[in-house]
C-alpha cells in the first residue's frame, strides 16, 4: 500500500447528470477528491450535462459502546417529562381551537349584521 492511499482515502461522489435521451439520473463515482470526481463525470457525460457533484457520506448505524441503561428513577422522571410535554401541546391545541371558534362566531355575527343592514 502506498502512502497517498492512506492519506487520501477513496470517497464516493454523487452527481445529477443529463443523458443523451434528456433523462436526468443520479450517477456515482469513487475517487480521491471532488475535483477528480467532477472531471470523471464531465468526461463521461459532457461538460454541460453534469449538475451538483457532492460527496456521499454513508451513515453507519452502530450502537455506541457507552450506551447507558436508565435507572427506574430516571425512567420515571423521563416519563413525567414526556407527559408534561404532551399536556403542554394539548393545551396549545385547545387554546388555538377556542380562538378559532371565537373568530368564527365573530365572522358569523358580522355577516348577520351585514345582511340585516
PDB file of N, CA and C in Angstrom:
ATOM      1  N   UNK A   1       0.843  -1.174   0.000  1.00  0.00           N
ATOM      2  CA  UNK A   1       0.000   0.000   0.000  1.00  0.00           C
ATOM      3  C   UNK A   1       0.888   1.237   0.000  1.00  0.00           C
ATOM      4  N   UNK A   2       0.475   2.233  -0.759  1.00  0.00           N
ATOM      5  CA  UNK A   2       1.269   3.449  -0.868  1.00  0.00           C
ATOM      6  C   UNK A   2       0.758   4.511   0.107  1.00  0.00           C
ATOM      7  N   UNK A   3       1.618   5.457   0.438  1.00  0.00           N
ATOM      8  CA  UNK A   3       1.291   6.480   1.426  1.00  0.00           C
ATOM      9  C   UNK A   3       0.086   7.312   1.005  1.00  0.00           C
ATOM     10  N   UNK A   4      -0.011   7.683  -0.264  1.00  0.00           N
ATOM     11  CA  UNK A   4      -1.129   8.531  -0.690  1.00  0.00           C
ATOM     12  C   UNK A   4      -2.464   7.795  -0.578  1.00  0.00           C
ATOM     13  N   UNK A   5      -2.438   6.452  -0.633  1.00  0.00           N
ATOM     14  CA  UNK A   5      -3.669   5.691  -0.488  1.00  0.00           C
ATOM     15  C   UNK A   5      -4.188   5.747   0.944  1.00  0.00           C
ATOM     16  N   UNK A   6      -3.291   5.931   1.892  1.00  0.00           N
ATOM     17  CA  UNK A   6      -3.696   6.038   3.294  1.00  0.00           C
ATOM     18  C   UNK A   6      -4.123   7.465   3.611  1.00  0.00           C
ATOM     19  N   UNK A   7      -3.369   8.435   3.144  1.00  0.00           N
ATOM     20  CA  UNK A   7      -3.661   9.827   3.459  1.00  0.00           C
ATOM     21  C   UNK A   7      -4.837  10.376   2.662  1.00  0.00           C
ATOM     22  N   UNK A   8      -5.116   9.833   1.497  1.00  0.00           N
ATOM     23  CA  UNK A   8      -6.239  10.273   0.659  1.00  0.00           C
ATOM     24  C   UNK A   8      -7.144   9.075   0.377  1.00  0.00           C
ATOM     25  N   UNK A   9      -8.030   8.744   1.302  1.00  0.00           N
ATOM     26  CA  UNK A   9      -8.880   7.571   1.085  1.00  0.00           C
ATOM     27  C   UNK A   9      -9.867   7.803  -0.063  1.00  0.00           C
ATOM     28  N   UNK A  10     -10.293   6.719  -0.669  1.00  0.00           N
ATOM     29  CA  UNK A  10     -11.254   6.775  -1.758  1.00  0.00           C
ATOM     30  C   UNK A  10     -12.620   7.129  -1.175  1.00  0.00           C
ATOM     31  N   UNK A  11     -13.287   8.118  -1.794  1.00  0.00           N
ATOM     32  CA  UNK A  11     -14.607   8.547  -1.351  1.00  0.00           C
ATOM     33  C   UNK A  11     -15.590   8.360  -2.492  1.00  0.00           C
ATOM     34  N   UNK A  12     -16.862   8.334  -2.157  1.00  0.00           N
ATOM     35  CA  UNK A  12     -17.911   8.200  -3.157  1.00  0.00           C
ATOM     36  C   UNK A  12     -18.536   9.570  -3.398  1.00  0.00           C
ATOM     37  N   UNK A  13     -18.717   9.920  -4.679  1.00  0.00           N
ATOM     38  CA  UNK A  13     -19.314  11.195  -5.062  1.00  0.00           C
ATOM     39  C   UNK A  13     -20.547  10.934  -5.908  1.00  0.00           C
ATOM     40  N   UNK A  14     -21.547  11.789  -5.746  1.00  0.00           N
ATOM     41  CA  UNK A  14     -22.808  11.659  -6.470  1.00  0.00           C
ATOM     42  C   UNK A  14     -23.021  12.920  -7.298  1.00  0.00           C
ATOM     43  N   UNK A  15     -23.567  12.750  -8.495  1.00  0.00           N
ATOM     44  CA  UNK A  15     -23.888  13.898  -9.342  1.00  0.00           C
ATOM     45  C   UNK A  15     -25.192  13.630 -10.078  1.00  0.00           C
ATOM     46  N   UNK A  16     -25.933  14.695 -10.324  1.00  0.00           N
ATOM     47  CA  UNK A  16     -27.096  14.616 -11.201  1.00  0.00           C
ATOM     48  C   UNK A  16     -26.567  14.871 -12.608  1.00  0.00           C
ATOM     49  N   UNK A  17     -26.861  13.953 -13.527  1.00  0.00           N
ATOM     50  CA  UNK A  17     -26.371  14.101 -14.893  1.00  0.00           C
ATOM     51  C   UNK A  17     -27.529  13.961 -15.877  1.00  0.00           C
ATOM     52  N   UNK A  18     -27.374  14.621 -17.001  1.00  0.00           N
ATOM     53  CA  UNK A  18     -28.375  14.571 -18.063  1.00  0.00           C
ATOM     54  C   UNK A  18     -27.863  13.644 -19.153  1.00  0.00           C
ATOM     55  N   UNK A  19     -28.663  12.645 -19.505  1.00  0.00           N
ATOM     56  CA  UNK A  19     -28.285  11.694 -20.541  1.00  0.00           C
ATOM     57  C   UNK A  19     -28.632  12.242 -21.916  1.00  0.00           C
ATOM     58  N   UNK A  20     -28.151  11.573 -22.960  1.00  0.00           N
ATOM     59  CA  UNK A  20     -28.440  11.995 -24.334  1.00  0.00           C
ATOM     60  C   UNK A  20     -29.938  11.974 -24.618  1.00  0.00           C
ATOM     61  N   UNK A  21     -30.658  11.076 -23.952  1.00  0.00           N
ATOM     62  CA  UNK A  21     -32.111  10.977 -24.154  1.00  0.00           C
ATOM     63  C   UNK A  21     -32.854  12.124 -23.474  1.00  0.00           C
ATOM     64  N   UNK A  22     -32.146  12.896 -22.647  1.00  0.00           N
ATOM     65  CA  UNK A  22     -32.771  14.010 -21.942  1.00  0.00           C
ATOM     66  C   UNK A  22     -33.165  13.675 -20.519  1.00  0.00           C
ATOM     67  N   UNK A  23     -33.053  12.403 -20.133  1.00  0.00           N
ATOM     68  CA  UNK A  23     -33.419  11.988 -18.782  1.00  0.00           C
ATOM     69  C   UNK A  23     -32.358  12.443 -17.782  1.00  0.00           C
ATOM     70  N   UNK A  24     -32.817  12.843 -16.592  1.00  0.00           N
ATOM     71  CA  UNK A  24     -31.902  13.209 -15.507  1.00  0.00           C
ATOM     72  C   UNK A  24     -31.766  12.002 -14.585  1.00  0.00           C
ATOM     73  N   UNK A  25     -30.518  11.619 -14.306  1.00  0.00           N
ATOM     74  CA  UNK A  25     -30.259  10.464 -13.435  1.00  0.00           C
ATOM     75  C   UNK A  25     -29.189  10.837 -12.413  1.00  0.00           C
ATOM     76  N   UNK A  26     -29.061   9.994 -11.408  1.00  0.00           N
ATOM     77  CA  UNK A  26     -28.014  10.152 -10.410  1.00  0.00           C
ATOM     78  C   UNK A  26     -26.915   9.151 -10.717  1.00  0.00           C
ATOM     79  N   UNK A  27     -25.676   9.639 -10.764  1.00  0.00           N
ATOM     80  CA  UNK A  27     -24.534   8.770 -11.044  1.00  0.00           C
ATOM     81  C   UNK A  27     -23.547   8.867  -9.891  1.00  0.00           C
ATOM     82  N   UNK A  28     -22.793   7.812  -9.659  1.00  0.00           N
ATOM     83  CA  UNK A  28     -21.791   7.811  -8.594  1.00  0.00           C
ATOM     84  C   UNK A  28     -20.423   7.453  -9.159  1.00  0.00           C
ATOM     85  N   UNK A  29     -19.415   7.967  -8.511  1.00  0.00           N
ATOM     86  CA  UNK A  29     -18.020   7.658  -8.840  1.00  0.00           C
ATOM     87  C   UNK A  29     -17.244   7.552  -7.538  1.00  0.00           C
ATOM     88  N   UNK A  30     -16.256   6.687  -7.506  1.00  0.00           N
ATOM     89  CA  UNK A  30     -15.376   6.568  -6.337  1.00  0.00           C
ATOM     90  C   UNK A  30     -13.992   7.057  -6.745  1.00  0.00           C
ATOM     91  N   UNK A  31     -13.538   8.102  -6.044  1.00  0.00           N
ATOM     92  CA  UNK A  31     -12.238   8.683  -6.350  1.00  0.00           C
ATOM     93  C   UNK A  31     -11.713   9.415  -5.117  1.00  0.00           C
ATOM     94  N   UNK A  32     -10.516  10.019  -5.259  1.00  0.00           N
ATOM     95  CA  UNK A  32      -9.854  10.643  -4.112  1.00  0.00           C
ATOM     96  C   UNK A  32     -10.426  12.001  -3.741  1.00  0.00           C
ATOM     97  N   UNK A  33     -10.896  12.781  -4.728  1.00  0.00           N
ATOM     98  CA  UNK A  33     -11.317  14.143  -4.410  1.00  0.00           C
ATOM     99  C   UNK A  33     -12.500  14.571  -5.273  1.00  0.00           C
ATOM    100  N   UNK A  34     -13.105  15.669  -4.866  1.00  0.00           N
ATOM    101  CA  UNK A  34     -14.228  16.242  -5.590  1.00  0.00           C
ATOM    102  C   UNK A  34     -13.810  16.677  -6.989  1.00  0.00           C
ATOM    103  N   UNK A  35     -12.608  17.213  -7.099  1.00  0.00           N
ATOM    104  CA  UNK A  35     -12.099  17.657  -8.399  1.00  0.00           C
ATOM    105  C   UNK A  35     -12.036  16.492  -9.382  1.00  0.00           C
ATOM    106  N   UNK A  36     -11.445  15.374  -8.945  1.00  0.00           N
ATOM    107  CA  UNK A  36     -11.327  14.214  -9.831  1.00  0.00           C
ATOM    108  C   UNK A  36     -12.703  13.647 -10.179  1.00  0.00           C
ATOM    109  N   UNK A  37     -13.615  13.640  -9.220  1.00  0.00           N
ATOM    110  CA  UNK A  37     -14.961  13.136  -9.484  1.00  0.00           C
ATOM    111  C   UNK A  37     -15.652  14.003 -10.537  1.00  0.00           C
ATOM    112  N   UNK A  38     -15.532  15.321 -10.389  1.00  0.00           N
ATOM    113  CA  UNK A  38     -16.135  16.239 -11.355  1.00  0.00           C
ATOM    114  C   UNK A  38     -15.552  16.010 -12.745  1.00  0.00           C
ATOM    115  N   UNK A  39     -14.240  15.838 -12.813  1.00  0.00           N
ATOM    116  CA  UNK A  39     -13.593  15.594 -14.105  1.00  0.00           C
ATOM    117  C   UNK A  39     -14.094  14.289 -14.737  1.00  0.00           C
ATOM    118  N   UNK A  40     -14.244  13.240 -13.927  1.00  0.00           N
ATOM    119  CA  UNK A  40     -14.747  11.960 -14.449  1.00  0.00           C
ATOM    120  C   UNK A  40     -16.169  12.094 -14.977  1.00  0.00           C
ATOM    121  N   UNK A  41     -17.038  12.765 -14.194  1.00  0.00           N
ATOM    122  CA  UNK A  41     -18.419  12.950 -14.639  1.00  0.00           C
ATOM    123  C   UNK A  41     -18.472  13.748 -15.942  1.00  0.00           C
ATOM    124  N   UNK A  42     -17.689  14.821 -16.023  1.00  0.00           N
ATOM    125  CA  UNK A  42     -17.689  15.648 -17.231  1.00  0.00           C
ATOM    126  C   UNK A  42     -17.165  14.876 -18.436  1.00  0.00           C
ATOM    127  N   UNK A  43     -16.169  14.017 -18.211  1.00  0.00           N
ATOM    128  CA  UNK A  43     -15.623  13.210 -19.299  1.00  0.00           C
ATOM    129  C   UNK A  43     -16.664  12.199 -19.800  1.00  0.00           C
ATOM    130  N   UNK A  44     -17.392  11.582 -18.868  1.00  0.00           N
ATOM    131  CA  UNK A  44     -18.374  10.571 -19.250  1.00  0.00           C
ATOM    132  C   UNK A  44     -19.633  11.166 -19.876  1.00  0.00           C
ATOM    133  N   UNK A  45     -20.127  12.282 -19.305  1.00  0.00           N
ATOM    134  CA  UNK A  45     -21.435  12.775 -19.695  1.00  0.00           C
ATOM    135  C   UNK A  45     -21.418  14.106 -20.439  1.00  0.00           C
ATOM    136  N   UNK A  46     -20.261  14.744 -20.531  1.00  0.00           N
ATOM    137  CA  UNK A  46     -20.171  16.036 -21.204  1.00  0.00           C
ATOM    138  C   UNK A  46     -20.184  17.177 -20.193  1.00  0.00           C
ATOM    139  N   UNK A  47     -19.476  18.265 -20.521  1.00  0.00           N
ATOM    140  CA  UNK A  47     -19.328  19.387 -19.592  1.00  0.00           C
ATOM    141  C   UNK A  47     -20.659  19.986 -19.157  1.00  0.00           C
ATOM    142  N   UNK A  48     -21.574  20.164 -20.082  1.00  0.00           N
ATOM    143  CA  UNK A  48     -22.823  20.863 -19.756  1.00  0.00           C
ATOM    144  C   UNK A  48     -23.897  19.937 -19.199  1.00  0.00           C
ATOM    145  N   UNK A  49     -23.603  18.652 -19.057  1.00  0.00           N
ATOM    146  CA  UNK A  49     -24.606  17.691 -18.592  1.00  0.00           C
ATOM    147  C   UNK A  49     -24.409  17.247 -17.151  1.00  0.00           C
ATOM    148  N   UNK A  50     -23.483  17.863 -16.424  1.00  0.00           N
ATOM    149  CA  UNK A  50     -23.195  17.468 -15.049  1.00  0.00           C
ATOM    150  C   UNK A  50     -23.685  18.568 -14.116  1.00  0.00           C
ATOM    151  N   UNK A  51     -24.518  18.185 -13.133  1.00  0.00           N
ATOM    152  CA  UNK A  51     -25.096  19.143 -12.194  1.00  0.00           C
ATOM    153  C   UNK A  51     -24.854  18.676 -10.759  1.00  0.00           C
ATOM    154  N   UNK A  52     -24.316  19.532  -9.934  1.00  0.00           N
ATOM    155  CA  UNK A  52     -24.235  19.300  -8.493  1.00  0.00           C
ATOM    156  C   UNK A  52     -23.480  18.069  -8.048  1.00  0.00           C
ATOM    157  N   UNK A  53     -22.189  18.056  -8.155  1.00  0.00           N
ATOM    158  CA  UNK A  53     -21.381  16.946  -7.665  1.00  0.00           C
ATOM    159  C   UNK A  53     -21.164  17.142  -6.162  1.00  0.00           C
ATOM    160  N   UNK A  54     -21.537  16.135  -5.360  1.00  0.00           N
ATOM    161  CA  UNK A  54     -21.365  16.210  -3.905  1.00  0.00           C
ATOM    162  C   UNK A  54     -20.817  14.894  -3.383  1.00  0.00           C
ATOM    163  N   UNK A  55     -20.204  14.987  -2.212  1.00  0.00           N
ATOM    164  CA  UNK A  55     -19.657  13.780  -1.574  1.00  0.00           C
ATOM    165  C   UNK A  55     -20.785  13.021  -0.908  1.00  0.00           C
ATOM    166  N   UNK A  56     -20.819  11.715  -1.096  1.00  0.00           N
ATOM    167  CA  UNK A  56     -21.813  10.860  -0.471  1.00  0.00           C
ATOM    168  C   UNK A  56     -21.240  10.379   0.847  1.00  0.00           C
ATOM    169  N   UNK A  57     -21.934  10.675   1.919  1.00  0.00           N
ATOM    170  CA  UNK A  57     -21.484  10.253   3.252  1.00  0.00           C
ATOM    171  C   UNK A  57     -22.410   9.163   3.755  1.00  0.00           C
ATOM    172  N   UNK A  58     -21.871   7.985   3.893  1.00  0.00           N
ATOM    173  CA  UNK A  58     -22.663   6.870   4.389  1.00  0.00           C
ATOM    174  C   UNK A  58     -22.819   7.010   5.891  1.00  0.00           C
ATOM    175  N   UNK A  59     -24.031   6.791   6.363  1.00  0.00           N
ATOM    176  CA  UNK A  59     -24.261   6.830   7.793  1.00  0.00           C
ATOM    177  C   UNK A  59     -24.285   5.399   8.303  1.00  0.00           C
ATOM    178  N   UNK A  60     -23.370   5.118   9.178  1.00  0.00           N
ATOM    179  CA  UNK A  60     -23.272   3.772   9.725  1.00  0.00           C
ATOM    180  C   UNK A  60     -24.089   3.716  10.998  1.00  0.00           C
ATOM    181  N   UNK A  61     -25.014   2.782  11.062  1.00  0.00           N
ATOM    182  CA  UNK A  61     -25.838   2.626  12.253  1.00  0.00           C
ATOM    183  C   UNK A  61     -25.162   1.644  13.194  1.00  0.00           C
ATOM    184  N   UNK A  62     -24.369   2.186  14.085  1.00  0.00           N
ATOM    185  CA  UNK A  62     -23.683   1.360  15.063  1.00  0.00           C
ATOM    186  C   UNK A  62     -24.147   1.770  16.448  1.00  0.00           C
ATOM    187  N   UNK A  63     -24.228   0.808  17.342  1.00  0.00           N
ATOM    188  CA  UNK A  63     -24.553   1.128  18.721  1.00  0.00           C
ATOM    189  C   UNK A  63     -23.330   1.721  19.389  1.00  0.00           C
ATOM    190  N   UNK A  64     -23.572   2.733  20.174  1.00  0.00           N
ATOM    191  CA  UNK A  64     -22.457   3.327  20.896  1.00  0.00           C
ATOM    192  C   UNK A  64     -22.034   2.388  22.012  1.00  0.00           C
ATOM    193  N   UNK A  65     -20.743   2.339  22.262  1.00  0.00           N
ATOM    194  CA  UNK A  65     -20.246   1.486  23.325  1.00  0.00           C
ATOM    195  C   UNK A  65     -20.674   2.008  24.684  1.00  0.00           C
ATOM    196  N   UNK A  66     -20.862   3.299  24.805  1.00  0.00           N
ATOM    197  CA  UNK A  66     -21.197   3.899  26.088  1.00  0.00           C
ATOM    198  C   UNK A  66     -22.692   4.030  26.324  1.00  0.00           C
ATOM    199  N   UNK A  67     -23.515   3.182  25.689  1.00  0.00           N
ATOM    200  CA  UNK A  67     -24.955   3.248  25.914  1.00  0.00           C
ATOM    201  C   UNK A  67     -25.236   2.931  27.374  1.00  0.00           C
ATOM    202  N   UNK A  68     -26.032   3.813  27.968  1.00  0.00           N
ATOM    203  CA  UNK A  68     -26.260   3.704  29.406  1.00  0.00           C
ATOM    204  C   UNK A  68     -27.697   3.264  29.653  1.00  0.00           C
ATOM    205  N   UNK A  69     -27.894   2.327  30.578  1.00  0.00           N
ATOM    206  CA  UNK A  69     -29.219   1.886  30.970  1.00  0.00           C
ATOM    207  C   UNK A  69     -29.728   2.823  32.050  1.00  0.00           C
ATOM    208  N   UNK A  70     -30.979   3.278  31.882  1.00  0.00           N
ATOM    209  CA  UNK A  70     -31.547   4.208  32.853  1.00  0.00           C
ATOM    210  C   UNK A  70     -32.063   3.453  34.070  1.00  0.00           C
ATOM    211  N   UNK A  71     -31.918   4.088  35.214  1.00  0.00           N
ATOM    212  CA  UNK A  71     -32.428   3.503  36.456  1.00  0.00           C
ATOM    213  C   UNK A  71     -33.941   3.705  36.503  1.00  0.00           C
ATOM    214  N   UNK A  72     -34.659   2.970  37.357  1.00  0.00           N
ATOM    215  CA  UNK A  72     -36.113   3.164  37.462  1.00  0.00           C
ATOM    216  C   UNK A  72     -36.493   4.608  37.795  1.00  0.00           C
ATOM    217  N   UNK A  73     -35.692   5.272  38.629  1.00  0.00           N
ATOM    218  CA  UNK A  73     -35.985   6.662  38.975  1.00  0.00           C
ATOM    219  C   UNK A  73     -35.831   7.570  37.748  1.00  0.00           C
ATOM    220  N   UNK A  74     -34.792   7.335  36.968  1.00  0.00           N
ATOM    221  CA  UNK A  74     -34.570   8.137  35.767  1.00  0.00           C
ATOM    222  C   UNK A  74     -35.680   7.899  34.746  1.00  0.00           C
ATOM    223  N   UNK A  75     -36.134   6.653  34.627  1.00  0.00           N
ATOM    224  CA  UNK A  75     -37.229   6.339  33.722  1.00  0.00           C
ATOM    225  C   UNK A  75     -38.517   7.036  34.156  1.00  0.00           C
ATOM    226  N   UNK A  76     -38.751   7.086  35.474  1.00  0.00           N
ATOM    227  CA  UNK A  76     -39.935   7.744  35.996  1.00  0.00           C
ATOM    228  C   UNK A  76     -39.904   9.248  35.688  1.00  0.00           C
ATOM    229  N   UNK A  77     -38.739   9.876  35.878  1.00  0.00           N
ATOM    230  CA  UNK A  77     -38.582  11.300  35.574  1.00  0.00           C
ATOM    231  C   UNK A  77     -38.792  11.549  34.092  1.00  0.00           C
ATOM    232  N   UNK A  78     -38.227  10.679  33.261  1.00  0.00           N
ATOM    233  CA  UNK A  78     -38.378  10.823  31.805  1.00  0.00           C
ATOM    234  C   UNK A  78     -39.840  10.684  31.404  1.00  0.00           C
ATOM    235  N   UNK A  79     -40.549   9.729  31.996  1.00  0.00           N
ATOM    236  CA  UNK A  79     -41.963   9.529  31.702  1.00  0.00           C
ATOM    237  C   UNK A  79     -42.780  10.758  32.078  1.00  0.00           C
ATOM    238  N   UNK A  80     -42.514  11.324  33.257  1.00  0.00           N
ATOM    239  CA  UNK A  80     -43.229  12.529  33.691  1.00  0.00           C
ATOM    240  C   UNK A  80     -42.928  13.718  32.777  1.00  0.00           C
ATOM    241  N   UNK A  81     -41.688  13.845  32.339  1.00  0.00           N
ATOM    242  CA  UNK A  81     -41.319  14.928  31.434  1.00  0.00           C
ATOM    243  C   UNK A  81     -42.034  14.770  30.098  1.00  0.00           C
ATOM    244  N   UNK A  82     -42.140  13.537  29.602  1.00  0.00           N
ATOM    245  CA  UNK A  82     -42.862  13.283  28.355  1.00  0.00           C
ATOM    246  C   UNK A  82     -44.343  13.628  28.504  1.00  0.00           C
ATOM    247  N   UNK A  83     -44.939  13.254  29.651  1.00  0.00           N
ATOM    248  CA  UNK A  83     -46.348  13.567  29.897  1.00  0.00           C
ATOM    249  C   UNK A  83     -46.559  15.080  29.968  1.00  0.00           C
ATOM    250  N   UNK A  84     -45.630  15.792  30.582  1.00  0.00           N
ATOM    251  CA  UNK A  84     -45.731  17.250  30.677  1.00  0.00           C
ATOM    252  C   UNK A  84     -45.655  17.874  29.285  1.00  0.00           C
ATOM    253  N   UNK A  85     -44.785  17.359  28.444  1.00  0.00           N
ATOM    254  CA  UNK A  85     -44.648  17.864  27.081  1.00  0.00           C
ATOM    255  C   UNK A  85     -45.943  17.646  26.298  1.00  0.00           C
ATOM    256  N   UNK A  86     -46.548  16.471  26.456  1.00  0.00           N
ATOM    257  CA  UNK A  86     -47.803  16.165  25.760  1.00  0.00           C
ATOM    258  C   UNK A  86     -48.914  17.083  26.268  1.00  0.00           C
ATOM    259  N   UNK A  87     -48.990  17.294  27.593  1.00  0.00           N
ATOM    260  CA  UNK A  87     -50.023  18.156  28.167  1.00  0.00           C
ATOM    261  C   UNK A  87     -49.871  19.589  27.673  1.00  0.00           C
ATOM    262  N   UNK A  88     -48.650  20.069  27.572  1.00  0.00           N
ATOM    263  CA  UNK A  88     -48.404  21.422  27.072  1.00  0.00           C
ATOM    264  C   UNK A  88     -48.874  21.556  25.630  1.00  0.00           C
ATOM    265  N   UNK A  89     -48.610  20.559  24.835  1.00  0.00           N
ATOM    266  CA  UNK A  89     -49.027  20.590  23.435  1.00  0.00           C
ATOM    267  C   UNK A  89     -50.550  20.538  23.323  1.00  0.00           C
ATOM    268  N   UNK A  90     -51.194  19.718  24.164  1.00  0.00           N
ATOM    269  CA  UNK A  90     -52.653  19.654  24.150  1.00  0.00           C
ATOM    270  C   UNK A  90     -53.263  20.985  24.562  1.00  0.00           C
ATOM    271  N   UNK A  91     -52.639  21.668  25.528  1.00  0.00           N
ATOM    272  CA  UNK A  91     -53.108  22.983  25.972  1.00  0.00           C
ATOM    273  C   UNK A  91     -53.053  23.976  24.812  1.00  0.00           C
ATOM    274  N   UNK A  92     -51.949  23.980  24.091  1.00  0.00           N
ATOM    275  CA  UNK A  92     -51.810  24.893  22.957  1.00  0.00           C
ATOM    276  C   UNK A  92     -52.857  24.602  21.890  1.00  0.00           C
ATOM    277  N   UNK A  93     -53.120  23.324  21.631  1.00  0.00           N
ATOM    278  CA  UNK A  93     -54.115  22.958  20.626  1.00  0.00           C
ATOM    279  C   UNK A  93     -55.509  23.397  21.051  1.00  0.00           C
ATOM    280  N   UNK A  94     -55.835  23.230  22.333  1.00  0.00           N
ATOM    281  CA  UNK A  94     -57.136  23.632  22.845  1.00  0.00           C
ATOM    282  C   UNK A  94     -57.306  25.147  22.758  1.00  0.00           C
ATOM    283  N   UNK A  95     -56.273  25.901  23.120  1.00  0.00           N
ATOM    284  CA  UNK A  95     -56.342  27.360  23.029  1.00  0.00           C
ATOM    285  C   UNK A  95     -56.529  27.811  21.585  1.00  0.00           C
ATOM    286  N   UNK A  96     -55.846  27.160  20.671  1.00  0.00           N
ATOM    287  CA  UNK A  96     -55.983  27.510  19.258  1.00  0.00           C
ATOM    288  C   UNK A  96     -57.390  27.204  18.764  1.00  0.00           C
ATOM    289  N   UNK A  97     -57.949  26.066  19.180  1.00  0.00           N
ATOM    290  CA  UNK A  97     -59.303  25.696  18.793  1.00  0.00           C
ATOM    291  C   UNK A  97     -60.323  26.704  19.322  1.00  0.00           C
ATOM    292  N   UNK A  98     -60.150  27.107  20.596  1.00  0.00           N
ATOM    293  CA  UNK A  98     -61.066  28.088  21.197  1.00  0.00           C
ATOM    294  C   UNK A  98     -60.966  29.436  20.489  1.00  0.00           C
ATOM    295  N   UNK A  99     -59.750  29.851  20.140  1.00  0.00           N
ATOM    296  CA  UNK A  99     -59.573  31.112  19.420  1.00  0.00           C
ATOM    297  C   UNK A  99     -60.232  31.038  18.042  1.00  0.00           C
ATOM    298  N   UNK A 100     -60.142  29.900  17.393  1.00  0.00           N
ATOM    299  CA  UNK A 100     -60.771  29.704  16.091  1.00  0.00           C
ATOM    300  C   UNK A 100     -62.288  29.788  16.213  1.00  0.00           C
ATOM    301  N   UNK A 101     -62.851  29.171  17.257  1.00  0.00           N
ATOM    302  CA  UNK A 101     -64.297  29.214  17.464  1.00  0.00           C
ATOM    303  C   UNK A 101     -64.771  30.651  17.709  1.00  0.00           C
ATOM    304  N   UNK A 102     -64.018  31.426  18.506  1.00  0.00           N
ATOM    305  CA  UNK A 102     -64.372  32.824  18.763  1.00  0.00           C
ATOM    306  C   UNK A 102     -64.333  33.629  17.465  1.00  0.00           C
ATOM    307  N   UNK A 103     -63.305  33.398  16.658  1.00  0.00           N
ATOM    308  CA  UNK A 103     -63.185  34.118  15.396  1.00  0.00           C
ATOM    309  C   UNK A 103     -64.324  33.751  14.456  1.00  0.00           C
ATOM    310  N   UNK A 104     -64.721  32.487  14.432  1.00  0.00           N
ATOM    311  CA  UNK A 104     -65.828  32.064  13.576  1.00  0.00           C
ATOM    312  C   UNK A 104     -67.143  32.682  14.043  1.00  0.00           C
ATOM    313  N   UNK A 105     -67.314  32.764  15.364  1.00  0.00           N
ATOM    314  CA  UNK A 105     -68.526  33.384  15.902  1.00  0.00           C
ATOM    315  C   UNK A 105     -68.582  34.864  15.531  1.00  0.00           C
ATOM    316  N   UNK A 106     -67.456  35.569  15.620  1.00  0.00           N
ATOM    317  CA  UNK A 106     -67.405  36.977  15.230  1.00  0.00           C
ATOM    318  C   UNK A 106     -67.714  37.142  13.748  1.00  0.00           C
ATOM    319  N   UNK A 107     -67.185  36.257  12.911  1.00  0.00           N
ATOM    320  CA  UNK A 107     -67.452  36.314  11.477  1.00  0.00           C
ATOM    321  C   UNK A 107     -68.940  36.094  11.204  1.00  0.00           C
ATOM    322  N   UNK A 108     -69.566  35.160  11.931  1.00  0.00           N
ATOM    323  CA  UNK A 108     -70.980  34.868  11.758  1.00  0.00           C
ATOM    324  C   UNK A 108     -71.811  36.089  12.162  1.00  0.00           C
ATOM    325  N   UNK A 109     -71.451  36.706  13.299  1.00  0.00           N
ATOM    326  CA  UNK A 109     -72.156  37.907  13.755  1.00  0.00           C
ATOM    327  C   UNK A 109     -71.991  39.034  12.750  1.00  0.00           C
ATOM    328  N   UNK A 110     -70.801  39.214  12.229  1.00  0.00           N
ATOM    329  CA  UNK A 110     -70.544  40.273  11.267  1.00  0.00           C
ATOM    330  C   UNK A 110     -71.324  40.048   9.980  1.00  0.00           C
ATOM    331  N   UNK A 111     -71.418  38.797   9.530  1.00  0.00           N
ATOM    332  CA  UNK A 111     -72.160  38.530   8.291  1.00  0.00           C
ATOM    333  C   UNK A 111     -73.652  38.699   8.515  1.00  0.00           C
ATOM    334  N   UNK A 112     -74.155  38.385   9.720  1.00  0.00           N
ATOM    335  CA  UNK A 112     -75.580  38.584  10.022  1.00  0.00           C
ATOM    336  C   UNK A 112     -75.894  40.062  10.050  1.00  0.00           C
ATOM    337  N   UNK A 113     -74.993  40.856  10.659  1.00  0.00           N
ATOM    338  CA  UNK A 113     -75.187  42.292  10.737  1.00  0.00           C
ATOM    339  C   UNK A 113     -75.161  42.919   9.340  1.00  0.00           C
ATOM    340  N   UNK A 114     -74.301  42.413   8.486  1.00  0.00           N
ATOM    341  CA  UNK A 114     -74.187  42.957   7.139  1.00  0.00           C
ATOM    342  C   UNK A 114     -75.406  42.624   6.292  1.00  0.00           C
ATOM    343  N   UNK A 115     -75.986  41.437   6.468  1.00  0.00           N
ATOM    344  CA  UNK A 115     -77.161  41.046   5.675  1.00  0.00           C
ATOM    345  C   UNK A 115     -78.427  41.718   6.182  1.00  0.00           C
ATOM    346  N   UNK A 116     -78.531  42.024   7.492  1.00  0.00           N
ATOM    347  CA  UNK A 116     -79.730  42.668   8.004  1.00  0.00           C
ATOM    348  C   UNK A 116     -79.718  44.176   7.781  1.00  0.00           C
ATOM    349  N   UNK A 117     -78.556  44.742   7.504  1.00  0.00           N
ATOM    350  CA  UNK A 117     -78.499  46.205   7.300  1.00  0.00           C
ATOM    351  C   UNK A 117     -78.846  46.602   5.930  1.00  0.00           C
TER     352      UNK A 117
END
